[in-house]
Amino acid sequence: MAIANELAQELSRLEAEFGMTPSARSRIQVEKPKVLSSWDRFLLARDRSGGAE
């Protein structure tokens, strides 16, 4: 049982390290791109025209 407890603790540490827990995800900062990609422009145009049919 001690091995299972150690593995559970290690897994919790790894999840936090890689942003896989709710609290870790709240600390992730992502900048928005300054230039839209062609895919982003396509999606915006599609949304403005009424979306997918």
C-alpha atoms as a PDB file:
ATOM      1  CA  MET A   1       0.000   0.000   0.000  1.00  0.00           C
ATOM      2  CA  ALA A   2       2.938   2.341   0.623  1.00  0.00           C
ATOM      3  CA  ILE A   3       3.957   2.080  -3.038  1.00  0.00           C
ATOM      4  CA  ALA A   4       0.476   3.107  -4.182  1.00  0.00           C
ATOM      5  CA  ASN A   5       0.524   6.121  -1.847  1.00  0.00           C
ATOM      6  CA  GLU A   6       3.957   7.196  -3.100  1.00  0.00           C
ATOM      7  CA  LEU A   7       2.824   6.862  -6.706  1.00  0.00           C
ATOM      8  CA  ALA A   8      -0.324   8.893  -6.010  1.00  0.00           C
ATOM      9  CA  GLN A   9       1.750  11.682  -4.473  1.00  0.00           C
ATOM     10  CA  GLU A  10       4.192  11.655  -7.398  1.00  0.00           C
ATOM     11  CA  LEU A  11       1.320  11.735  -9.883  1.00  0.00           C
ATOM     12  CA  SER A  12      -0.172  14.756  -8.100  1.00  0.00           C
ATOM     13  CA  ARG A  13       3.174  16.572  -8.351  1.00  0.00           C
ATOM     14  CA  LEU A  14       3.478  15.756 -12.049  1.00  0.00           C
ATOM     15  CA  GLU A  15      -0.078  16.883 -12.763  1.00  0.00           C
ATOM     16  CA  ALA A  16       0.612  20.235 -11.115  1.00  0.00           C
ATOM     17  CA  GLU A  17       3.932  20.580 -12.971  1.00  0.00           C
ATOM     18  CA  PHE A  18       2.295  20.093 -16.366  1.00  0.00           C
ATOM     19  CA  GLY A  19      -0.793  22.224 -15.678  1.00  0.00           C
ATOM     20  CA  MET A  20      -3.196  19.330 -15.394  1.00  0.00           C
ATOM     21  CA  THR A  21      -4.930  20.426 -12.203  1.00  0.00           C
ATOM     22  CA  PRO A  22      -7.492  23.243 -11.972  1.00  0.00           C
ATOM     23  CA  SER A  23      -5.250  25.355  -9.742  1.00  0.00           C
ATOM     24  CA  ALA A  24      -2.238  24.850 -12.015  1.00  0.00           C
ATOM     25  CA  ARG A  25      -4.280  25.791 -15.104  1.00  0.00           C
ATOM     26  CA  SER A  26      -5.331  29.036 -13.445  1.00  0.00           C
ATOM     27  CA  ARG A  27      -1.650  30.084 -13.301  1.00  0.00           C
ATOM     28  CA  ILE A  28      -1.009  29.556 -17.016  1.00  0.00           C
ATOM     29  CA  GLN A  29      -0.534  32.814 -18.922  1.00  0.00           C
ATOM     30  CA  VAL A  30      -0.911  32.857 -22.711  1.00  0.00           C
ATOM     31  CA  GLU A  31      -0.510  35.898 -24.933  1.00  0.00           C
ATOM     32  CA  LYS A  32      -2.902  36.393 -27.813  1.00  0.00           C
ATOM     33  CA  PRO A  33      -1.185  36.447 -31.198  1.00  0.00           C
ATOM     34  CA  LYS A  34      -0.738  39.921 -32.699  1.00  0.00           C
ATOM     35  CA  VAL A  35      -1.509  38.681 -36.199  1.00  0.00           C
ATOM     36  CA  LEU A  36      -4.393  36.364 -37.029  1.00  0.00           C
ATOM     37  CA  SER A  37      -3.541  33.202 -38.897  1.00  0.00           C
ATOM     38  CA  SER A  38      -5.362  32.355 -42.112  1.00  0.00           C
ATOM     39  CA  TRP A  39      -7.308  29.726 -40.152  1.00  0.00           C
ATOM     40  CA  ASP A  40      -8.396  32.315 -37.574  1.00  0.00           C
ATOM     41  CA  ARG A  41      -9.505  34.681 -40.354  1.00  0.00           C
ATOM     42  CA  PHE A  42     -11.477  31.851 -41.973  1.00  0.00           C
ATOM     43  CA  LEU A  43     -13.237  31.008 -38.703  1.00  0.00           C
ATOM     44  CA  LEU A  44     -14.074  34.647 -38.015  1.00  0.00           C
ATOM     45  CA  ALA A  45     -15.507  35.113 -41.518  1.00  0.00           C
ATOM     46  CA  ARG A  46     -17.534  31.923 -41.149  1.00  0.00           C
ATOM     47  CA  ASP A  47     -18.910  33.008 -37.771  1.00  0.00           C
ATOM     48  CA  ARG A  48     -19.874  36.426 -39.115  1.00  0.00           C
ATOM     49  CA  SER A  49     -21.700  34.862 -42.066  1.00  0.00           C
ATOM     50  CA  GLY A  50     -23.862  32.638 -39.892  1.00  0.00           C
ATOM     51  CA  GLY A  51     -21.612  29.686 -39.134  1.00  0.00           C
ATOM     52  CA  ALA A  52     -21.474  26.200 -40.571  1.00  0.00           C
ATOM     53  CA  GLU A  53     -24.525  24.761 -42.275  1.00  0.00           C
END
